């Protein structure tokens, strides 16, 4: 009988704890346990520099950066995890899947990946990213068709992207090196054909410089914002008409206010704000989701060249892949200077 009583008390205690936990979740209280990167120990406030890291991780993932590339960038910048240790592929993935960054909490929490998901409840702590951003990242990471083992991290801008101009069959180039420290010669990176016959080998640095110059020049043009437009959207004609009409209303409003000496500045600002908000909504519908994620930081930057220099390698590779088809041709024999004509750059459709 004593054993039965003890068992009953344990079950009652467990039920009370579960009810209390569910109540805390439904009330939006932050979870306990180890400190979450980006938040203070009690989980009620953000840590500004860590929160900036988290936002950058979500933005870079959706712009095409690999998990290994994200971990490498954090480690190179001296940004350890909450335990003071370097980041790895799995740690970054778990961070990006954590609904807490969207001010959400799952109950009951899954103990294994095979467990069915619980319900999501809104939290009272500050969100670091929007729910849409978190769900987009979650969908991307859990996509069964997404490559989870892309191989070793890329070290050069065009390896696996640029095409071999000799094969003409879609074979890409890989990276290597020429020279030897032990022999006293300078070690220089090269691009070489990935095929069985290594008929192409070109020094990488001048080719990278030429491609980067092309990218920055294209993104510095006055029509760079047009790169974000989804020309194949089914309702694009109607959206363009709405955008033109709204811009016309802004111009007319500004002209009317300029000619009206008794005009109320506050009324003008309010009316202008409402029109601009509507215009922003229309333009957002016109943008291509993938292009916008990859190119928006460069297109909207005051100095695209400076913004390009600040980007990590994986982001740069995603931009190149989105903008241009690069084909490396045979170079001139001997020690001839680099000839841009030996690297064919063809803007992809819609990127002209």
C-alpha atoms as a PDB file:
ATOM      1  CA  UNK A   1       0.000   0.000   0.000  1.00  0.00           C
ATOM      2  CA  UNK A   2       2.854   2.402   0.751  1.00  0.00           C
ATOM      3  CA  UNK A   3       4.311   1.661  -2.706  1.00  0.00           C
ATOM      4  CA  UNK A   4       0.966   2.428  -4.352  1.00  0.00           C
ATOM      5  CA  UNK A   5       0.718   5.702  -2.432  1.00  0.00           C
ATOM      6  CA  UNK A   6       4.255   6.707  -3.470  1.00  0.00           C
ATOM      7  CA  UNK A   7       3.494   5.933  -7.127  1.00  0.00           C
ATOM      8  CA  UNK A   8       0.271   7.965  -6.969  1.00  0.00           C
ATOM      9  CA  UNK A   9       2.100  10.955  -5.416  1.00  0.00           C
ATOM     10  CA  UNK A  10       4.812  10.822  -8.101  1.00  0.00           C
ATOM     11  CA  UNK A  11       2.162  10.782 -10.846  1.00  0.00           C
ATOM     12  CA  UNK A  12       0.317  13.679  -9.229  1.00  0.00           C
ATOM     13  CA  UNK A  13       3.542  15.695  -8.932  1.00  0.00           C
ATOM     14  CA  UNK A  14       4.376  15.017 -12.585  1.00  0.00           C
ATOM     15  CA  UNK A  15       0.915  16.136 -13.700  1.00  0.00           C
ATOM     16  CA  UNK A  16       1.156  19.344 -11.645  1.00  0.00           C
ATOM     17  CA  UNK A  17       4.571  20.115 -13.145  1.00  0.00           C
ATOM     18  CA  UNK A  18       3.252  19.550 -16.664  1.00  0.00           C
ATOM     19  CA  UNK A  19       0.226  21.756 -16.020  1.00  0.00           C
ATOM     20  CA  UNK A  20       2.488  24.481 -14.606  1.00  0.00           C
ATOM     21  CA  UNK A  21       4.799  24.242 -17.605  1.00  0.00           C
ATOM     22  CA  UNK A  22       1.902  24.458 -20.055  1.00  0.00           C
ATOM     23  CA  UNK A  23       0.496  27.422 -18.142  1.00  0.00           C
ATOM     24  CA  UNK A  24       3.860  29.215 -18.380  1.00  0.00           C
ATOM     25  CA  UNK A  25       3.970  28.531 -22.123  1.00  0.00           C
ATOM     26  CA  UNK A  26       0.433  29.800 -22.676  1.00  0.00           C
ATOM     27  CA  UNK A  27       1.246  32.930 -20.649  1.00  0.00           C
ATOM     28  CA  UNK A  28       4.201  33.601 -22.966  1.00  0.00           C
ATOM     29  CA  UNK A  29       6.937  33.256 -20.376  1.00  0.00           C
ATOM     30  CA  UNK A  30      10.445  32.538 -21.755  1.00  0.00           C
ATOM     31  CA  UNK A  31      11.746  28.993 -21.257  1.00  0.00           C
ATOM     32  CA  UNK A  32      14.304  28.224 -18.600  1.00  0.00           C
ATOM     33  CA  UNK A  33      17.466  26.219 -18.975  1.00  0.00           C
ATOM     34  CA  UNK A  34      20.795  27.321 -20.505  1.00  0.00           C
ATOM     35  CA  UNK A  35      21.054  30.853 -21.851  1.00  0.00           C
ATOM     36  CA  UNK A  36      19.984  31.204 -25.470  1.00  0.00           C
ATOM     37  CA  UNK A  37      22.494  32.966 -27.743  1.00  0.00           C
ATOM     38  CA  UNK A  38      21.142  36.451 -28.394  1.00  0.00           C
ATOM     39  CA  UNK A  39      19.234  36.708 -25.113  1.00  0.00           C
ATOM     40  CA  UNK A  40      20.077  37.437 -21.487  1.00  0.00           C
ATOM     41  CA  UNK A  41      20.084  34.654 -18.881  1.00  0.00           C
ATOM     42  CA  UNK A  42      16.423  35.165 -17.921  1.00  0.00           C
ATOM     43  CA  UNK A  43      15.455  35.371 -21.602  1.00  0.00           C
ATOM     44  CA  UNK A  44      13.512  38.616 -21.253  1.00  0.00           C
ATOM     45  CA  UNK A  45      15.940  40.912 -23.099  1.00  0.00           C
ATOM     46  CA  UNK A  46      18.260  40.674 -26.083  1.00  0.00           C
ATOM     47  CA  UNK A  47      22.035  40.978 -26.083  1.00  0.00           C
ATOM     48  CA  UNK A  48      22.529  43.585 -28.848  1.00  0.00           C
ATOM     49  CA  UNK A  49      25.700  42.308 -30.525  1.00  0.00           C
ATOM     50  CA  UNK A  50      24.554  38.671 -30.368  1.00  0.00           C
ATOM     51  CA  UNK A  51      21.120  39.638 -31.682  1.00  0.00           C
ATOM     52  CA  UNK A  52      22.831  41.296 -34.652  1.00  0.00           C
ATOM     53  CA  UNK A  53      24.680  38.028 -35.282  1.00  0.00           C
ATOM     54  CA  UNK A  54      21.402  36.102 -35.228  1.00  0.00           C
ATOM     55  CA  UNK A  55      19.727  38.471 -37.700  1.00  0.00           C
ATOM     56  CA  UNK A  56      22.723  38.209 -40.008  1.00  0.00           C
ATOM     57  CA  UNK A  57      22.624  34.404 -39.823  1.00  0.00           C
ATOM     58  CA  UNK A  58      18.981  34.280 -40.914  1.00  0.00           C
ATOM     59  CA  UNK A  59      19.538  36.840 -43.679  1.00  0.00           C
ATOM     60  CA  UNK A  60      22.638  35.087 -45.009  1.00  0.00           C
ATOM     61  CA  UNK A  61      21.016  31.643 -44.934  1.00  0.00           C
ATOM     62  CA  UNK A  62      18.049  32.886 -46.969  1.00  0.00           C
ATOM     63  CA  UNK A  63      20.489  34.593 -49.349  1.00  0.00           C
ATOM     64  CA  UNK A  64      22.180  31.301 -50.158  1.00  0.00           C
ATOM     65  CA  UNK A  65      25.030  30.954 -47.658  1.00  0.00           C
ATOM     66  CA  UNK A  66      25.783  27.426 -46.459  1.00  0.00           C
ATOM     67  CA  UNK A  67      25.686  26.433 -42.792  1.00  0.00           C
ATOM     68  CA  UNK A  68      29.416  25.719 -42.878  1.00  0.00           C
ATOM     69  CA  UNK A  69      30.016  29.165 -44.336  1.00  0.00           C
ATOM     70  CA  UNK A  70      27.958  30.779 -41.586  1.00  0.00           C
ATOM     71  CA  UNK A  71      29.879  28.907 -38.885  1.00  0.00           C
ATOM     72  CA  UNK A  72      33.205  29.784 -40.488  1.00  0.00           C
ATOM     73  CA  UNK A  73      32.330  33.485 -40.635  1.00  0.00           C
ATOM     74  CA  UNK A  74      31.364  33.583 -36.942  1.00  0.00           C
ATOM     75  CA  UNK A  75      34.575  31.838 -35.941  1.00  0.00           C
ATOM     76  CA  UNK A  76      36.744  34.072 -38.123  1.00  0.00           C
ATOM     77  CA  UNK A  77      35.156  37.154 -36.548  1.00  0.00           C
ATOM     78  CA  UNK A  78      35.844  35.827 -33.062  1.00  0.00           C
ATOM     79  CA  UNK A  79      32.181  35.315 -32.148  1.00  0.00           C
ATOM     80  CA  UNK A  80      32.031  32.120 -30.009  1.00  0.00           C
ATOM     81  CA  UNK A  81      28.778  30.467 -28.975  1.00  0.00           C
ATOM     82  CA  UNK A  82      27.189  30.915 -25.556  1.00  0.00           C
ATOM     83  CA  UNK A  83      29.663  28.420 -24.072  1.00  0.00           C
ATOM     84  CA  UNK A  84      32.681  30.255 -25.483  1.00  0.00           C
ATOM     85  CA  UNK A  85      33.331  27.508 -28.035  1.00  0.00           C
ATOM     86  CA  UNK A  86      33.637  27.721 -31.836  1.00  0.00           C
ATOM     87  CA  UNK A  87      30.549  27.221 -33.996  1.00  0.00           C
ATOM     88  CA  UNK A  88      30.041  24.225 -36.239  1.00  0.00           C
ATOM     89  CA  UNK A  89      27.529  23.212 -38.914  1.00  0.00           C
ATOM     90  CA  UNK A  90      25.084  21.544 -36.501  1.00  0.00           C
ATOM     91  CA  UNK A  91      25.163  24.329 -33.907  1.00  0.00           C
ATOM     92  CA  UNK A  92      24.253  26.940 -36.504  1.00  0.00           C
ATOM     93  CA  UNK A  93      21.466  24.726 -37.843  1.00  0.00           C
ATOM     94  CA  UNK A  94      19.945  24.274 -34.367  1.00  0.00           C
ATOM     95  CA  UNK A  95      20.068  28.016 -33.781  1.00  0.00           C
ATOM     96  CA  UNK A  96      18.234  28.754 -37.040  1.00  0.00           C
ATOM     97  CA  UNK A  97      15.548  26.174 -36.255  1.00  0.00           C
ATOM     98  CA  UNK A  98      14.894  27.622 -32.801  1.00  0.00           C
ATOM     99  CA  UNK A  99      11.430  29.217 -32.779  1.00  0.00           C
ATOM    100  CA  UNK A 100      12.414  31.306 -29.765  1.00  0.00           C
ATOM    101  CA  UNK A 101      14.043  33.903 -32.054  1.00  0.00           C
ATOM    102  CA  UNK A 102      10.584  34.652 -33.491  1.00  0.00           C
ATOM    103  CA  UNK A 103       9.154  35.028 -29.945  1.00  0.00           C
ATOM    104  CA  UNK A 104       7.400  31.665 -30.192  1.00  0.00           C
ATOM    105  CA  UNK A 105       7.436  28.634 -27.892  1.00  0.00           C
ATOM    106  CA  UNK A 106       6.517  25.080 -28.754  1.00  0.00           C
ATOM    107  CA  UNK A 107       4.589  22.856 -26.368  1.00  0.00           C
ATOM    108  CA  UNK A 108       5.059  20.031 -25.887  1.00  0.00           C
ATOM    109  CA  UNK A 109       8.653  20.351 -27.046  1.00  0.00           C
ATOM    110  CA  UNK A 110       9.978  17.572 -29.262  1.00  0.00           C
ATOM    111  CA  UNK A 111      12.651  15.411 -27.668  1.00  0.00           C
ATOM    112  CA  UNK A 112      13.566  13.713 -30.958  1.00  0.00           C
ATOM    113  CA  UNK A 113      13.352  14.827 -34.584  1.00  0.00           C
ATOM    114  CA  UNK A 114      10.924  11.961 -35.223  1.00  0.00           C
ATOM    115  CA  UNK A 115       8.465  13.263 -32.612  1.00  0.00           C
ATOM    116  CA  UNK A 116       5.428  15.153 -33.971  1.00  0.00           C
ATOM    117  CA  UNK A 117       5.618  18.945 -33.539  1.00  0.00           C
ATOM    118  CA  UNK A 118       3.722  20.592 -30.725  1.00  0.00           C
ATOM    119  CA  UNK A 119       1.665  23.778 -30.778  1.00  0.00           C
ATOM    120  CA  UNK A 120       3.308  27.195 -31.039  1.00  0.00           C
ATOM    121  CA  UNK A 121       2.393  29.906 -28.548  1.00  0.00           C
ATOM    122  CA  UNK A 122       3.385  33.604 -28.743  1.00  0.00           C
ATOM    123  CA  UNK A 123       5.914  34.750 -26.170  1.00  0.00           C
ATOM    124  CA  UNK A 124       6.244  38.027 -24.310  1.00  0.00           C
ATOM    125  CA  UNK A 125       9.999  38.390 -24.872  1.00  0.00           C
ATOM    126  CA  UNK A 126      11.328  40.530 -27.781  1.00  0.00           C
ATOM    127  CA  UNK A 127      11.624  38.753 -31.134  1.00  0.00           C
ATOM    128  CA  UNK A 128      14.960  38.997 -32.950  1.00  0.00           C
ATOM    129  CA  UNK A 129      13.514  37.998 -36.352  1.00  0.00           C
ATOM    130  CA  UNK A 130       9.982  37.962 -37.708  1.00  0.00           C
ATOM    131  CA  UNK A 131       7.909  34.803 -37.735  1.00  0.00           C
ATOM    132  CA  UNK A 132       7.938  34.834 -41.548  1.00  0.00           C
ATOM    133  CA  UNK A 133      11.746  34.916 -41.566  1.00  0.00           C
ATOM    134  CA  UNK A 134      11.984  32.042 -39.082  1.00  0.00           C
ATOM    135  CA  UNK A 135       9.458  29.932 -40.991  1.00  0.00           C
ATOM    136  CA  UNK A 136      11.304  30.578 -44.272  1.00  0.00           C
ATOM    137  CA  UNK A 137      14.566  29.421 -42.703  1.00  0.00           C
ATOM    138  CA  UNK A 138      12.874  26.383 -41.152  1.00  0.00           C
ATOM    139  CA  UNK A 139      11.321  25.412 -44.481  1.00  0.00           C
ATOM    140  CA  UNK A 140      14.689  25.737 -46.208  1.00  0.00           C
ATOM    141  CA  UNK A 141      16.574  23.684 -43.634  1.00  0.00           C
ATOM    142  CA  UNK A 142      13.965  20.926 -43.486  1.00  0.00           C
ATOM    143  CA  UNK A 143      13.543  20.669 -47.269  1.00  0.00           C
ATOM    144  CA  UNK A 144      14.216  17.003 -48.098  1.00  0.00           C
ATOM    145  CA  UNK A 145      15.600  18.017 -51.493  1.00  0.00           C
ATOM    146  CA  UNK A 146      18.168  20.386 -50.034  1.00  0.00           C
ATOM    147  CA  UNK A 147      21.750  19.207 -50.182  1.00  0.00           C
ATOM    148  CA  UNK A 148      22.890  18.584 -46.624  1.00  0.00           C
ATOM    149  CA  UNK A 149      26.475  17.577 -47.405  1.00  0.00           C
ATOM    150  CA  UNK A 150      27.770  19.981 -50.046  1.00  0.00           C
ATOM    151  CA  UNK A 151      31.347  18.847 -49.573  1.00  0.00           C
ATOM    152  CA  UNK A 152      34.311  20.882 -48.338  1.00  0.00           C
ATOM    153  CA  UNK A 153      33.814  24.604 -47.869  1.00  0.00           C
ATOM    154  CA  UNK A 154      34.655  26.769 -50.863  1.00  0.00           C
ATOM    155  CA  UNK A 155      37.772  28.885 -50.678  1.00  0.00           C
ATOM    156  CA  UNK A 156      37.559  30.723 -54.002  1.00  0.00           C
ATOM    157  CA  UNK A 157      34.906  32.833 -55.667  1.00  0.00           C
ATOM    158  CA  UNK A 158      34.290  30.770 -58.818  1.00  0.00           C
ATOM    159  CA  UNK A 159      35.119  27.158 -57.957  1.00  0.00           C
ATOM    160  CA  UNK A 160      32.101  25.027 -58.856  1.00  0.00           C
ATOM    161  CA  UNK A 161      30.420  28.044 -60.509  1.00  0.00           C
ATOM    162  CA  UNK A 162      32.503  29.027 -63.537  1.00  0.00           C
ATOM    163  CA  UNK A 163      32.347  26.803 -66.601  1.00  0.00           C
ATOM    164  CA  UNK A 164      35.263  25.331 -68.521  1.00  0.00           C
ATOM    165  CA  UNK A 165      35.403  27.067 -71.905  1.00  0.00           C
ATOM    166  CA  UNK A 166      37.194  24.121 -73.506  1.00  0.00           C
ATOM    167  CA  UNK A 167      34.742  21.354 -72.611  1.00  0.00           C
ATOM    168  CA  UNK A 168      31.637  23.334 -73.653  1.00  0.00           C
ATOM    169  CA  UNK A 169      29.458  20.711 -71.965  1.00  0.00           C
ATOM    170  CA  UNK A 170      28.651  22.296 -68.627  1.00  0.00           C
ATOM    171  CA  UNK A 171      31.785  21.077 -66.845  1.00  0.00           C
ATOM    172  CA  UNK A 172      32.701  23.470 -64.046  1.00  0.00           C
ATOM    173  CA  UNK A 173      36.133  24.415 -62.803  1.00  0.00           C
ATOM    174  CA  UNK A 174      37.659  23.536 -59.482  1.00  0.00           C
ATOM    175  CA  UNK A 175      40.435  25.247 -57.559  1.00  0.00           C
ATOM    176  CA  UNK A 176      44.019  24.198 -57.037  1.00  0.00           C
ATOM    177  CA  UNK A 177      47.421  25.799 -56.693  1.00  0.00           C
ATOM    178  CA  UNK A 178      50.635  26.179 -58.625  1.00  0.00           C
ATOM    179  CA  UNK A 179      54.053  26.552 -57.053  1.00  0.00           C
ATOM    180  CA  UNK A 180      55.643  25.112 -53.942  1.00  0.00           C
ATOM    181  CA  UNK A 181      56.942  26.698 -50.769  1.00  0.00           C
ATOM    182  CA  UNK A 182      59.467  23.905 -50.354  1.00  0.00           C
ATOM    183  CA  UNK A 183      60.863  24.639 -53.814  1.00  0.00           C
ATOM    184  CA  UNK A 184      61.015  28.352 -53.074  1.00  0.00           C
ATOM    185  CA  UNK A 185      58.365  29.301 -55.635  1.00  0.00           C
ATOM    186  CA  UNK A 186      55.268  31.385 -54.930  1.00  0.00           C
ATOM    187  CA  UNK A 187      52.104  29.384 -54.362  1.00  0.00           C
ATOM    188  CA  UNK A 188      49.284  30.824 -56.462  1.00  0.00           C
ATOM    189  CA  UNK A 189      45.668  29.628 -56.621  1.00  0.00           C
ATOM    190  CA  UNK A 190      44.439  28.434 -59.999  1.00  0.00           C
ATOM    191  CA  UNK A 191      41.178  27.388 -61.639  1.00  0.00           C
ATOM    192  CA  UNK A 192      41.366  24.128 -63.539  1.00  0.00           C
ATOM    193  CA  UNK A 193      38.901  21.982 -65.418  1.00  0.00           C
ATOM    194  CA  UNK A 194      37.083  19.468 -63.258  1.00  0.00           C
ATOM    195  CA  UNK A 195      37.098  16.875 -66.019  1.00  0.00           C
ATOM    196  CA  UNK A 196      39.565  13.994 -66.370  1.00  0.00           C
ATOM    197  CA  UNK A 197      41.714  15.943 -68.854  1.00  0.00           C
ATOM    198  CA  UNK A 198      43.198  19.006 -67.161  1.00  0.00           C
ATOM    199  CA  UNK A 199      43.353  21.079 -70.330  1.00  0.00           C
ATOM    200  CA  UNK A 200      42.559  24.339 -68.546  1.00  0.00           C
ATOM    201  CA  UNK A 201      44.564  25.964 -65.755  1.00  0.00           C
ATOM    202  CA  UNK A 202      44.336  29.703 -65.116  1.00  0.00           C
ATOM    203  CA  UNK A 203      45.521  31.875 -62.249  1.00  0.00           C
ATOM    204  CA  UNK A 204      42.494  32.644 -60.078  1.00  0.00           C
ATOM    205  CA  UNK A 205      43.265  36.110 -58.706  1.00  0.00           C
ATOM    206  CA  UNK A 206      42.967  38.190 -61.910  1.00  0.00           C
ATOM    207  CA  UNK A 207      39.840  36.283 -62.945  1.00  0.00           C
ATOM    208  CA  UNK A 208      38.214  36.882 -59.545  1.00  0.00           C
ATOM    209  CA  UNK A 209      39.132  40.580 -59.725  1.00  0.00           C
ATOM    210  CA  UNK A 210      37.572  40.888 -63.189  1.00  0.00           C
ATOM    211  CA  UNK A 211      34.337  39.170 -62.142  1.00  0.00           C
ATOM    212  CA  UNK A 212      34.079  41.223 -58.940  1.00  0.00           C
ATOM    213  CA  UNK A 213      34.587  44.415 -60.944  1.00  0.00           C
ATOM    214  CA  UNK A 214      31.752  43.361 -63.273  1.00  0.00           C
ATOM    215  CA  UNK A 215      29.404  42.608 -60.371  1.00  0.00           C
ATOM    216  CA  UNK A 216      30.045  45.909 -58.593  1.00  0.00           C
ATOM    217  CA  UNK A 217      29.713  47.847 -61.851  1.00  0.00           C
ATOM    218  CA  UNK A 218      26.366  46.181 -62.641  1.00  0.00           C
ATOM    219  CA  UNK A 219      24.983  46.768 -59.147  1.00  0.00           C
ATOM    220  CA  UNK A 220      26.086  50.423 -59.217  1.00  0.00           C
ATOM    221  CA  UNK A 221      23.991  51.263 -62.263  1.00  0.00           C
ATOM    222  CA  UNK A 222      20.949  53.511 -61.905  1.00  0.00           C
ATOM    223  CA  UNK A 223      18.645  50.658 -62.941  1.00  0.00           C
ATOM    224  CA  UNK A 224      20.027  48.187 -60.377  1.00  0.00           C
ATOM    225  CA  UNK A 225      16.735  48.131 -58.462  1.00  0.00           C
ATOM    226  CA  UNK A 226      15.144  46.546 -61.533  1.00  0.00           C
ATOM    227  CA  UNK A 227      17.116  43.378 -60.827  1.00  0.00           C
ATOM    228  CA  UNK A 228      14.763  42.662 -57.944  1.00  0.00           C
ATOM    229  CA  UNK A 229      11.642  42.725 -60.122  1.00  0.00           C
ATOM    230  CA  UNK A 230       9.892  39.430 -60.847  1.00  0.00           C
ATOM    231  CA  UNK A 231       8.946  39.960 -64.485  1.00  0.00           C
ATOM    232  CA  UNK A 232       7.147  36.609 -64.638  1.00  0.00           C
ATOM    233  CA  UNK A 233       4.694  37.368 -61.829  1.00  0.00           C
ATOM    234  CA  UNK A 234       1.141  36.743 -63.137  1.00  0.00           C
ATOM    235  CA  UNK A 235      -0.203  40.113 -61.929  1.00  0.00           C
ATOM    236  CA  UNK A 236       2.887  42.175 -62.805  1.00  0.00           C
ATOM    237  CA  UNK A 237       1.032  44.415 -65.283  1.00  0.00           C
ATOM    238  CA  UNK A 238      -1.510  45.422 -62.659  1.00  0.00           C
ATOM    239  CA  UNK A 239       1.200  45.951 -60.024  1.00  0.00           C
ATOM    240  CA  UNK A 240       3.205  48.170 -62.366  1.00  0.00           C
ATOM    241  CA  UNK A 241       0.095  50.249 -63.049  1.00  0.00           C
ATOM    242  CA  UNK A 242      -0.549  50.631 -59.314  1.00  0.00           C
ATOM    243  CA  UNK A 243       3.049  51.665 -58.674  1.00  0.00           C
ATOM    244  CA  UNK A 244       2.954  54.274 -61.458  1.00  0.00           C
ATOM    245  CA  UNK A 245      -0.339  55.647 -60.135  1.00  0.00           C
ATOM    246  CA  UNK A 246       0.981  55.895 -56.569  1.00  0.00           C
ATOM    247  CA  UNK A 247       4.174  57.645 -57.681  1.00  0.00           C
ATOM    248  CA  UNK A 248       1.997  60.062 -59.650  1.00  0.00           C
ATOM    249  CA  UNK A 249      -0.075  60.775 -56.552  1.00  0.00           C
ATOM    250  CA  UNK A 250       3.105  61.502 -54.589  1.00  0.00           C
ATOM    251  CA  UNK A 251       4.309  63.943 -57.245  1.00  0.00           C
ATOM    252  CA  UNK A 252       0.902  65.634 -57.426  1.00  0.00           C
ATOM    253  CA  UNK A 253       0.712  65.896 -53.629  1.00  0.00           C
ATOM    254  CA  UNK A 254       4.172  67.469 -53.446  1.00  0.00           C
ATOM    255  CA  UNK A 255       3.313  69.956 -56.211  1.00  0.00           C
ATOM    256  CA  UNK A 256       0.025  70.886 -54.532  1.00  0.00           C
ATOM    257  CA  UNK A 257       1.724  71.473 -51.190  1.00  0.00           C
ATOM    258  CA  UNK A 258       4.458  73.571 -52.819  1.00  0.00           C
ATOM    259  CA  UNK A 259       1.839  75.860 -54.423  1.00  0.00           C
ATOM    260  CA  UNK A 260      -0.321  76.185 -51.305  1.00  0.00           C
ATOM    261  CA  UNK A 261       1.074  78.810 -48.952  1.00  0.00           C
ATOM    262  CA  UNK A 262      -1.492  77.865 -46.315  1.00  0.00           C
ATOM    263  CA  UNK A 263      -0.863  74.118 -46.565  1.00  0.00           C
ATOM    264  CA  UNK A 264      -0.561  72.159 -43.331  1.00  0.00           C
ATOM    265  CA  UNK A 265       2.851  70.417 -43.198  1.00  0.00           C
ATOM    266  CA  UNK A 266       1.544  67.746 -40.840  1.00  0.00           C
ATOM    267  CA  UNK A 267      -1.328  66.853 -43.175  1.00  0.00           C
ATOM    268  CA  UNK A 268       1.123  66.678 -46.063  1.00  0.00           C
ATOM    269  CA  UNK A 269       3.464  64.361 -44.130  1.00  0.00           C
ATOM    270  CA  UNK A 270       0.604  62.075 -43.084  1.00  0.00           C
ATOM    271  CA  UNK A 271      -0.808  61.823 -46.592  1.00  0.00           C
ATOM    272  CA  UNK A 272       2.652  61.287 -48.063  1.00  0.00           C
ATOM    273  CA  UNK A 273       3.440  58.576 -45.513  1.00  0.00           C
ATOM    274  CA  UNK A 274       0.256  56.651 -46.307  1.00  0.00           C
ATOM    275  CA  UNK A 275       0.965  56.739 -50.044  1.00  0.00           C
ATOM    276  CA  UNK A 276       4.575  55.655 -49.529  1.00  0.00           C
ATOM    277  CA  UNK A 277       3.499  52.765 -47.310  1.00  0.00           C
ATOM    278  CA  UNK A 278       1.083  51.618 -50.010  1.00  0.00           C
ATOM    279  CA  UNK A 279       3.783  51.994 -52.663  1.00  0.00           C
ATOM    280  CA  UNK A 280       6.177  49.910 -50.545  1.00  0.00           C
ATOM    281  CA  UNK A 281       3.564  47.137 -50.302  1.00  0.00           C
ATOM    282  CA  UNK A 282       3.067  47.133 -54.084  1.00  0.00           C
ATOM    283  CA  UNK A 283       6.805  47.131 -54.789  1.00  0.00           C
ATOM    284  CA  UNK A 284       7.299  44.279 -52.318  1.00  0.00           C
ATOM    285  CA  UNK A 285       4.815  42.188 -54.326  1.00  0.00           C
ATOM    286  CA  UNK A 286       6.754  42.998 -57.496  1.00  0.00           C
ATOM    287  CA  UNK A 287      10.065  41.700 -56.193  1.00  0.00           C
ATOM    288  CA  UNK A 288      11.441  38.247 -56.923  1.00  0.00           C
ATOM    289  CA  UNK A 289      11.818  36.497 -53.505  1.00  0.00           C
ATOM    290  CA  UNK A 290      15.126  34.766 -54.187  1.00  0.00           C
ATOM    291  CA  UNK A 291      16.723  37.672 -56.037  1.00  0.00           C
ATOM    292  CA  UNK A 292      15.642  40.063 -53.326  1.00  0.00           C
ATOM    293  CA  UNK A 293      17.237  37.986 -50.574  1.00  0.00           C
ATOM    294  CA  UNK A 294      20.520  37.717 -52.449  1.00  0.00           C
ATOM    295  CA  UNK A 295      20.858  41.158 -54.039  1.00  0.00           C
ATOM    296  CA  UNK A 296      18.919  43.616 -51.878  1.00  0.00           C
ATOM    297  CA  UNK A 297      21.857  44.534 -49.593  1.00  0.00           C
ATOM    298  CA  UNK A 298      23.953  45.490 -52.614  1.00  0.00           C
ATOM    299  CA  UNK A 299      21.206  47.137 -54.649  1.00  0.00           C
ATOM    300  CA  UNK A 300      20.152  49.429 -51.788  1.00  0.00           C
ATOM    301  CA  UNK A 301      23.679  50.160 -50.531  1.00  0.00           C
ATOM    302  CA  UNK A 302      24.983  53.714 -50.876  1.00  0.00           C
ATOM    303  CA  UNK A 303      28.335  52.239 -51.912  1.00  0.00           C
ATOM    304  CA  UNK A 304      27.904  48.784 -53.551  1.00  0.00           C
ATOM    305  CA  UNK A 305      31.689  48.322 -53.718  1.00  0.00           C
ATOM    306  CA  UNK A 306      32.027  48.762 -49.958  1.00  0.00           C
ATOM    307  CA  UNK A 307      29.025  46.514 -49.301  1.00  0.00           C
ATOM    308  CA  UNK A 308      30.574  43.860 -51.561  1.00  0.00           C
ATOM    309  CA  UNK A 309      33.855  43.950 -49.659  1.00  0.00           C
ATOM    310  CA  UNK A 310      32.022  43.370 -46.366  1.00  0.00           C
ATOM    311  CA  UNK A 311      30.251  40.253 -47.653  1.00  0.00           C
ATOM    312  CA  UNK A 312      31.488  36.806 -46.736  1.00  0.00           C
ATOM    313  CA  UNK A 313      32.608  34.499 -49.537  1.00  0.00           C
ATOM    314  CA  UNK A 314      29.433  32.402 -49.661  1.00  0.00           C
ATOM    315  CA  UNK A 315      27.294  35.533 -50.100  1.00  0.00           C
ATOM    316  CA  UNK A 316      29.549  36.721 -52.913  1.00  0.00           C
ATOM    317  CA  UNK A 317      29.276  33.349 -54.614  1.00  0.00           C
ATOM    318  CA  UNK A 318      25.477  33.483 -54.366  1.00  0.00           C
ATOM    319  CA  UNK A 319      25.459  36.946 -55.973  1.00  0.00           C
ATOM    320  CA  UNK A 320      27.669  35.822 -58.852  1.00  0.00           C
ATOM    321  CA  UNK A 321      25.493  32.742 -59.426  1.00  0.00           C
ATOM    322  CA  UNK A 322      22.401  34.968 -59.533  1.00  0.00           C
ATOM    323  CA  UNK A 323      23.824  37.595 -61.883  1.00  0.00           C
ATOM    324  CA  UNK A 324      26.117  36.129 -64.486  1.00  0.00           C
ATOM    325  CA  UNK A 325      27.304  33.010 -66.280  1.00  0.00           C
ATOM    326  CA  UNK A 326      31.106  32.863 -66.138  1.00  0.00           C
ATOM    327  CA  UNK A 327      33.045  30.820 -68.695  1.00  0.00           C
ATOM    328  CA  UNK A 328      36.835  30.596 -68.401  1.00  0.00           C
ATOM    329  CA  UNK A 329      38.587  30.241 -71.761  1.00  0.00           C
ATOM    330  CA  UNK A 330      42.165  29.291 -72.526  1.00  0.00           C
ATOM    331  CA  UNK A 331      44.639  32.045 -71.733  1.00  0.00           C
ATOM    332  CA  UNK A 332      47.493  33.231 -73.868  1.00  0.00           C
ATOM    333  CA  UNK A 333      50.732  31.269 -73.789  1.00  0.00           C
ATOM    334  CA  UNK A 334      53.678  32.427 -71.735  1.00  0.00           C
ATOM    335  CA  UNK A 335      53.570  35.221 -69.188  1.00  0.00           C
ATOM    336  CA  UNK A 336      51.201  37.474 -71.095  1.00  0.00           C
ATOM    337  CA  UNK A 337      49.178  39.868 -68.909  1.00  0.00           C
ATOM    338  CA  UNK A 338      45.620  38.974 -68.071  1.00  0.00           C
ATOM    339  CA  UNK A 339      43.217  39.486 -70.980  1.00  0.00           C
ATOM    340  CA  UNK A 340      39.561  40.053 -69.959  1.00  0.00           C
ATOM    341  CA  UNK A 341      38.506  38.611 -73.319  1.00  0.00           C
ATOM    342  CA  UNK A 342      39.564  35.170 -72.050  1.00  0.00           C
ATOM    343  CA  UNK A 343      36.771  35.214 -69.448  1.00  0.00           C
ATOM    344  CA  UNK A 344      33.288  35.282 -70.969  1.00  0.00           C
ATOM    345  CA  UNK A 345      30.651  37.008 -68.814  1.00  0.00           C
ATOM    346  CA  UNK A 346      27.039  36.525 -69.907  1.00  0.00           C
ATOM    347  CA  UNK A 347      24.247  38.125 -67.810  1.00  0.00           C
ATOM    348  CA  UNK A 348      21.572  35.620 -66.870  1.00  0.00           C
ATOM    349  CA  UNK A 349      17.997  36.165 -67.991  1.00  0.00           C
ATOM    350  CA  UNK A 350      16.550  39.248 -66.329  1.00  0.00           C
ATOM    351  CA  UNK A 351      19.988  40.367 -65.110  1.00  0.00           C
ATOM    352  CA  UNK A 352      20.985  42.375 -68.204  1.00  0.00           C
END
